[in-house]
Every structure is written in structure tokens, then in C-alpha cells.
């Protein structure tokens, strides 16, 4: 009983924090401390932060490409929030003993970070709504995965405020790849 109460209070805390973040973003009141910094430590730190959640869910995190030695202009705390939302979702929707793959590639004047899971994928009917507030592919009362439905909306807003863009590719039944692009930061 206490465990259920604890989990419910955690869920409420996540919801309140997401609601507050979304409200601040919409109102233009969220503070950003944009600084030029190397991308590699941000990626490595976010992976390290999520390894325990991966172990708990029996999901491996694999960085399948070398992170290029480039700088990006981002708010490091907000960048960690972006990575946290995407990695948490990928782990959450991965099958047990699955692997979440992280790939970092350069394209023209930008870098692309792709996070791929091998879970159920995203139904085609949901593709146009995925970045909307409170959007969840499984919005039934019995949904299995939890969450507030705000993570991807917040992630998109954060990335756009840092000059980035987000997108995804998914075929239902074959997992999902979420990617974001950030412009290089030149010295």
C-alpha cells in the first residue's frame, strides 16, 4: 500500500514538474543559459545518468557511433532534459533484454542525435499528434506505460528555443527513432 502511494506521489510530482515547464515555455518565462560547449560530454553524461533505468528495465544503452568533437550552443541543463525525455521513452517502450541505440552524425552545418528503440512503434494515426501536449499513443484508462503526455511537447519546445529541430521515424510494430538536429557552434 505504501509502495503504491509512493509511486502515485512520484507520478504526481512528474506531472506537476512537466506542467510547470510547459507553462513557462509557453509564457516565454523559462530561463536559458545558452553557452558554446562540446557535445560529447553532454551525450556521455546523459547516457551514464540513464544506465540504471536501463538496467532496471533490462534494456541496454549502446552508443553506436563516435560522437564528433564539435561544439553546440545549448543550455546544458535543458539539453540534459531533452536527452532524458528521449532516452526514458526509448527505454520505457523497449522490450526486456532490448537495446536502445544512440547515433550521432554530422550533416552540413548541423549534428543529428538519433535514439532508436525496438519497441511497439508508433501507430500511423498518431504521427501527426505526437509532439502535442498530453499526446499519448495509448491514452486508454488501462495504458501500460504511464507518463504525462508532455515529454515530447516539452522536448520540441526546448530544442526549438536552442535553435534545433526534432523529428521521428516509426513503423508500427518495428520500434521508433527520434532524432534532433542542432547547428554547429563556430568559435
C-alpha atoms as a PDB file:
ATOM      1  CA  UNK A   1       0.000   0.000   0.000  1.00  0.00           C
ATOM      2  CA  UNK A   2       2.809   2.410   0.893  1.00  0.00           C
ATOM      3  CA  UNK A   3       4.604   1.466  -2.326  1.00  0.00           C
ATOM      4  CA  UNK A   4       1.501   2.344  -4.378  1.00  0.00           C
ATOM      5  CA  UNK A   5       1.156   5.670  -2.558  1.00  0.00           C
ATOM      6  CA  UNK A   6       4.835   6.417  -3.184  1.00  0.00           C
ATOM      7  CA  UNK A   7       4.545   5.616  -6.916  1.00  0.00           C
ATOM      8  CA  UNK A   8       1.408   7.757  -7.199  1.00  0.00           C
ATOM      9  CA  UNK A   9       3.092  10.692  -5.459  1.00  0.00           C
ATOM     10  CA  UNK A  10       6.087  10.327  -7.808  1.00  0.00           C
ATOM     11  CA  UNK A  11       3.744  10.333 -10.799  1.00  0.00           C
ATOM     12  CA  UNK A  12       2.053  13.497  -9.499  1.00  0.00           C
ATOM     13  CA  UNK A  13       5.428  15.169  -8.963  1.00  0.00           C
ATOM     14  CA  UNK A  14       6.440  14.373 -12.564  1.00  0.00           C
ATOM     15  CA  UNK A  15       3.112  15.711 -13.835  1.00  0.00           C
ATOM     16  CA  UNK A  16       3.411  18.942 -11.835  1.00  0.00           C
ATOM     17  CA  UNK A  17       7.004  19.492 -12.992  1.00  0.00           C
ATOM     18  CA  UNK A  18       6.031  18.863 -16.624  1.00  0.00           C
ATOM     19  CA  UNK A  19       3.028  21.196 -16.333  1.00  0.00           C
ATOM     20  CA  UNK A  20       5.205  23.932 -14.825  1.00  0.00           C
ATOM     21  CA  UNK A  21       7.857  23.502 -17.530  1.00  0.00           C
ATOM     22  CA  UNK A  22       5.258  23.613 -20.309  1.00  0.00           C
ATOM     23  CA  UNK A  23       3.630  26.713 -18.817  1.00  0.00           C
ATOM     24  CA  UNK A  24       6.991  28.505 -18.516  1.00  0.00           C
ATOM     25  CA  UNK A  25       7.881  27.598 -22.106  1.00  0.00           C
ATOM     26  CA  UNK A  26       4.556  28.820 -23.489  1.00  0.00           C
ATOM     27  CA  UNK A  27       4.756  32.050 -21.485  1.00  0.00           C
ATOM     28  CA  UNK A  28       8.360  32.623 -22.596  1.00  0.00           C
ATOM     29  CA  UNK A  29       9.462  32.657 -18.952  1.00  0.00           C
ATOM     30  CA  UNK A  30      11.827  29.704 -18.932  1.00  0.00           C
ATOM     31  CA  UNK A  31      15.398  30.858 -18.452  1.00  0.00           C
ATOM     32  CA  UNK A  32      18.018  29.548 -20.866  1.00  0.00           C
ATOM     33  CA  UNK A  33      21.760  29.775 -20.254  1.00  0.00           C
ATOM     34  CA  UNK A  34      22.977  29.144 -23.805  1.00  0.00           C
ATOM     35  CA  UNK A  35      26.710  28.507 -23.967  1.00  0.00           C
ATOM     36  CA  UNK A  36      29.046  27.089 -26.562  1.00  0.00           C
ATOM     37  CA  UNK A  37      30.221  23.687 -25.342  1.00  0.00           C
ATOM     38  CA  UNK A  38      31.391  20.316 -26.619  1.00  0.00           C
ATOM     39  CA  UNK A  39      28.604  17.876 -27.463  1.00  0.00           C
ATOM     40  CA  UNK A  40      30.442  14.697 -26.447  1.00  0.00           C
ATOM     41  CA  UNK A  41      30.358  15.178 -22.629  1.00  0.00           C
ATOM     42  CA  UNK A  42      26.637  16.050 -22.779  1.00  0.00           C
ATOM     43  CA  UNK A  43      25.860  12.816 -24.645  1.00  0.00           C
ATOM     44  CA  UNK A  44      28.080  10.697 -22.394  1.00  0.00           C
ATOM     45  CA  UNK A  45      26.662  12.206 -19.196  1.00  0.00           C
ATOM     46  CA  UNK A  46      23.067  11.663 -20.291  1.00  0.00           C
ATOM     47  CA  UNK A  47      23.809   8.022 -21.157  1.00  0.00           C
ATOM     48  CA  UNK A  48      25.507   7.465 -17.806  1.00  0.00           C
ATOM     49  CA  UNK A  49      22.543   9.053 -16.000  1.00  0.00           C
ATOM     50  CA  UNK A  50      20.107   6.630 -17.670  1.00  0.00           C
ATOM     51  CA  UNK A  51      22.074   3.389 -17.371  1.00  0.00           C
ATOM     52  CA  UNK A  52      20.443   2.499 -14.025  1.00  0.00           C
ATOM     53  CA  UNK A  53      16.949   2.921 -15.510  1.00  0.00           C
ATOM     54  CA  UNK A  54      18.047   0.732 -18.416  1.00  0.00           C
ATOM     55  CA  UNK A  55      19.344  -1.948 -16.030  1.00  0.00           C
ATOM     56  CA  UNK A  56      16.103  -1.782 -14.025  1.00  0.00           C
ATOM     57  CA  UNK A  57      14.102  -2.365 -17.238  1.00  0.00           C
ATOM     58  CA  UNK A  58      16.671  -4.863 -18.622  1.00  0.00           C
ATOM     59  CA  UNK A  59      17.454  -2.594 -21.562  1.00  0.00           C
ATOM     60  CA  UNK A  60      20.975  -1.900 -22.805  1.00  0.00           C
ATOM     61  CA  UNK A  61      22.044   1.590 -23.949  1.00  0.00           C
ATOM     62  CA  UNK A  62      24.501   1.475 -26.856  1.00  0.00           C
ATOM     63  CA  UNK A  63      26.322   4.443 -28.347  1.00  0.00           C
ATOM     64  CA  UNK A  64      26.819   3.015 -31.840  1.00  0.00           C
ATOM     65  CA  UNK A  65      28.846   5.847 -33.330  1.00  0.00           C
ATOM     66  CA  UNK A  66      31.706   8.031 -32.205  1.00  0.00           C
ATOM     67  CA  UNK A  67      30.488  11.419 -31.034  1.00  0.00           C
ATOM     68  CA  UNK A  68      32.152  14.007 -33.290  1.00  0.00           C
ATOM     69  CA  UNK A  69      34.343  16.530 -31.497  1.00  0.00           C
ATOM     70  CA  UNK A  70      32.164  19.544 -32.215  1.00  0.00           C
ATOM     71  CA  UNK A  71      30.660  22.340 -30.175  1.00  0.00           C
ATOM     72  CA  UNK A  72      26.996  23.246 -29.939  1.00  0.00           C
ATOM     73  CA  UNK A  73      25.368  26.303 -28.365  1.00  0.00           C
ATOM     74  CA  UNK A  74      22.904  24.945 -25.830  1.00  0.00           C
ATOM     75  CA  UNK A  75      21.757  25.282 -22.255  1.00  0.00           C
ATOM     76  CA  UNK A  76      23.401  22.183 -20.765  1.00  0.00           C
ATOM     77  CA  UNK A  77      20.596  21.624 -18.224  1.00  0.00           C
ATOM     78  CA  UNK A  78      17.915  21.858 -20.936  1.00  0.00           C
ATOM     79  CA  UNK A  79      19.968  19.635 -23.253  1.00  0.00           C
ATOM     80  CA  UNK A  80      20.082  17.021 -20.480  1.00  0.00           C
ATOM     81  CA  UNK A  81      16.288  17.348 -20.168  1.00  0.00           C
ATOM     82  CA  UNK A  82      15.918  16.718 -23.929  1.00  0.00           C
ATOM     83  CA  UNK A  83      18.138  13.642 -23.736  1.00  0.00           C
ATOM     84  CA  UNK A  84      16.372  12.453 -20.586  1.00  0.00           C
ATOM     85  CA  UNK A  85      12.933  12.619 -22.196  1.00  0.00           C
ATOM     86  CA  UNK A  86      14.058  10.784 -25.329  1.00  0.00           C
ATOM     87  CA  UNK A  87      16.147   8.134 -23.547  1.00  0.00           C
ATOM     88  CA  UNK A  88      13.460   7.497 -20.907  1.00  0.00           C
ATOM     89  CA  UNK A  89      10.828   6.997 -23.611  1.00  0.00           C
ATOM     90  CA  UNK A  90      13.081   4.681 -25.617  1.00  0.00           C
ATOM     91  CA  UNK A  91      13.878   2.581 -22.536  1.00  0.00           C
ATOM     92  CA  UNK A  92      10.240   2.550 -21.427  1.00  0.00           C
ATOM     93  CA  UNK A  93       8.995   1.277 -24.794  1.00  0.00           C
ATOM     94  CA  UNK A  94      11.804  -1.232 -25.377  1.00  0.00           C
ATOM     95  CA  UNK A  95      11.236  -4.932 -24.817  1.00  0.00           C
ATOM     96  CA  UNK A  96      13.101  -6.627 -21.961  1.00  0.00           C
ATOM     97  CA  UNK A  97      16.649  -7.514 -22.966  1.00  0.00           C
ATOM     98  CA  UNK A  98      16.326  -4.969 -25.768  1.00  0.00           C
ATOM     99  CA  UNK A  99      18.827  -2.336 -26.834  1.00  0.00           C
ATOM    100  CA  UNK A 100      18.393   1.401 -27.306  1.00  0.00           C
ATOM    101  CA  UNK A 101      20.850   2.696 -29.902  1.00  0.00           C
ATOM    102  CA  UNK A 102      22.226   6.224 -29.874  1.00  0.00           C
ATOM    103  CA  UNK A 103      23.832   7.518 -33.063  1.00  0.00           C
ATOM    104  CA  UNK A 104      25.476  10.913 -33.577  1.00  0.00           C
ATOM    105  CA  UNK A 105      26.169  12.098 -37.126  1.00  0.00           C
ATOM    106  CA  UNK A 106      27.083  15.379 -38.785  1.00  0.00           C
ATOM    107  CA  UNK A 107      25.085  16.817 -41.667  1.00  0.00           C
ATOM    108  CA  UNK A 108      26.143  20.018 -43.430  1.00  0.00           C
ATOM    109  CA  UNK A 109      26.334  22.591 -40.615  1.00  0.00           C
ATOM    110  CA  UNK A 110      24.457  20.561 -38.006  1.00  0.00           C
ATOM    111  CA  UNK A 111      24.729  17.488 -35.838  1.00  0.00           C
ATOM    112  CA  UNK A 112      21.992  14.853 -35.602  1.00  0.00           C
ATOM    113  CA  UNK A 113      21.445  12.752 -32.488  1.00  0.00           C
ATOM    114  CA  UNK A 114      19.220   9.710 -33.106  1.00  0.00           C
ATOM    115  CA  UNK A 115      17.770   7.498 -30.371  1.00  0.00           C
ATOM    116  CA  UNK A 116      16.278   4.231 -31.628  1.00  0.00           C
ATOM    117  CA  UNK A 117      14.231   1.659 -29.736  1.00  0.00           C
ATOM    118  CA  UNK A 118      12.856  -1.690 -30.887  1.00  0.00           C
ATOM    119  CA  UNK A 119       9.515  -1.427 -29.124  1.00  0.00           C
ATOM    120  CA  UNK A 120       5.963  -1.390 -30.481  1.00  0.00           C
ATOM    121  CA  UNK A 121       6.468   1.654 -32.688  1.00  0.00           C
ATOM    122  CA  UNK A 122       4.002   4.491 -33.107  1.00  0.00           C
ATOM    123  CA  UNK A 123       0.640   3.960 -34.829  1.00  0.00           C
ATOM    124  CA  UNK A 124       0.417   5.892 -38.120  1.00  0.00           C
ATOM    125  CA  UNK A 125      -2.796   7.587 -36.939  1.00  0.00           C
ATOM    126  CA  UNK A 126      -0.816   9.150 -34.086  1.00  0.00           C
ATOM    127  CA  UNK A 127       2.117  10.509 -36.130  1.00  0.00           C
ATOM    128  CA  UNK A 128       0.604  13.985 -36.629  1.00  0.00           C
ATOM    129  CA  UNK A 129      -0.140  14.422 -32.912  1.00  0.00           C
ATOM    130  CA  UNK A 130       2.987  13.075 -31.259  1.00  0.00           C
ATOM    131  CA  UNK A 131       4.508  16.452 -30.305  1.00  0.00           C
ATOM    132  CA  UNK A 132       1.242  17.919 -28.995  1.00  0.00           C
ATOM    133  CA  UNK A 133       0.604  18.467 -25.295  1.00  0.00           C
ATOM    134  CA  UNK A 134      -0.900  15.474 -23.458  1.00  0.00           C
ATOM    135  CA  UNK A 135      -0.432  13.303 -26.543  1.00  0.00           C
ATOM    136  CA  UNK A 136      -0.079   9.587 -25.862  1.00  0.00           C
ATOM    137  CA  UNK A 137      -0.480   6.816 -28.404  1.00  0.00           C
ATOM    138  CA  UNK A 138      -2.120   4.684 -25.703  1.00  0.00           C
ATOM    139  CA  UNK A 139      -4.492   7.097 -23.987  1.00  0.00           C
ATOM    140  CA  UNK A 140      -6.745   4.375 -22.612  1.00  0.00           C
ATOM    141  CA  UNK A 141      -7.524   4.151 -18.907  1.00  0.00           C
ATOM    142  CA  UNK A 142      -5.516   0.936 -18.767  1.00  0.00           C
ATOM    143  CA  UNK A 143      -2.437   2.231 -20.562  1.00  0.00           C
ATOM    144  CA  UNK A 144       0.651   0.274 -19.651  1.00  0.00           C
ATOM    145  CA  UNK A 145       3.493   2.775 -19.838  1.00  0.00           C
ATOM    146  CA  UNK A 146       2.456   5.760 -17.711  1.00  0.00           C
ATOM    147  CA  UNK A 147       3.828   9.238 -18.342  1.00  0.00           C
ATOM    148  CA  UNK A 148       2.244  12.672 -18.578  1.00  0.00           C
ATOM    149  CA  UNK A 149       1.970  13.086 -22.338  1.00  0.00           C
ATOM    150  CA  UNK A 150       4.027  16.279 -22.061  1.00  0.00           C
ATOM    151  CA  UNK A 151       7.586  14.989 -22.508  1.00  0.00           C
ATOM    152  CA  UNK A 152       7.778  15.210 -26.299  1.00  0.00           C
ATOM    153  CA  UNK A 153       5.968  18.571 -26.412  1.00  0.00           C
ATOM    154  CA  UNK A 154       8.453  19.953 -23.871  1.00  0.00           C
ATOM    155  CA  UNK A 155      11.369  18.388 -25.754  1.00  0.00           C
ATOM    156  CA  UNK A 156      10.308  20.049 -29.012  1.00  0.00           C
ATOM    157  CA  UNK A 157       9.916  23.452 -27.328  1.00  0.00           C
ATOM    158  CA  UNK A 158      13.316  23.170 -25.614  1.00  0.00           C
ATOM    159  CA  UNK A 159      15.073  22.206 -28.846  1.00  0.00           C
ATOM    160  CA  UNK A 160      13.420  24.978 -30.842  1.00  0.00           C
ATOM    161  CA  UNK A 161      14.474  27.541 -28.207  1.00  0.00           C
ATOM    162  CA  UNK A 162      18.070  26.289 -28.623  1.00  0.00           C
ATOM    163  CA  UNK A 163      17.928  26.567 -32.429  1.00  0.00           C
ATOM    164  CA  UNK A 164      17.264  22.875 -33.006  1.00  0.00           C
ATOM    165  CA  UNK A 165      14.580  20.704 -34.570  1.00  0.00           C
ATOM    166  CA  UNK A 166      13.125  17.310 -33.700  1.00  0.00           C
ATOM    167  CA  UNK A 167      11.552  14.560 -35.770  1.00  0.00           C
ATOM    168  CA  UNK A 168      10.951  10.831 -35.772  1.00  0.00           C
ATOM    169  CA  UNK A 169      10.517   7.777 -37.956  1.00  0.00           C
ATOM    170  CA  UNK A 170       8.434   4.809 -36.912  1.00  0.00           C
ATOM    171  CA  UNK A 171       6.645   1.856 -38.399  1.00  0.00           C
ATOM    172  CA  UNK A 172       4.127   0.312 -36.031  1.00  0.00           C
ATOM    173  CA  UNK A 173       5.490  -2.965 -34.711  1.00  0.00           C
ATOM    174  CA  UNK A 174       9.090  -2.051 -35.581  1.00  0.00           C
ATOM    175  CA  UNK A 175      10.209   0.496 -32.994  1.00  0.00           C
ATOM    176  CA  UNK A 176      10.837   4.210 -33.295  1.00  0.00           C
ATOM    177  CA  UNK A 177      13.762   6.528 -33.991  1.00  0.00           C
ATOM    178  CA  UNK A 178      13.610  10.022 -32.561  1.00  0.00           C
ATOM    179  CA  UNK A 179      16.232  12.457 -33.805  1.00  0.00           C
ATOM    180  CA  UNK A 180      17.129  16.054 -33.239  1.00  0.00           C
ATOM    181  CA  UNK A 181      19.380  18.406 -35.149  1.00  0.00           C
ATOM    182  CA  UNK A 182      21.423  21.209 -33.613  1.00  0.00           C
ATOM    183  CA  UNK A 183      23.552  23.687 -35.552  1.00  0.00           C
ATOM    184  CA  UNK A 184      27.332  23.587 -35.065  1.00  0.00           C
ATOM    185  CA  UNK A 185      28.707  26.341 -32.915  1.00  0.00           C
ATOM    186  CA  UNK A 186      31.695  28.016 -34.567  1.00  0.00           C
ATOM    187  CA  UNK A 187      34.425  29.583 -32.445  1.00  0.00           C
END
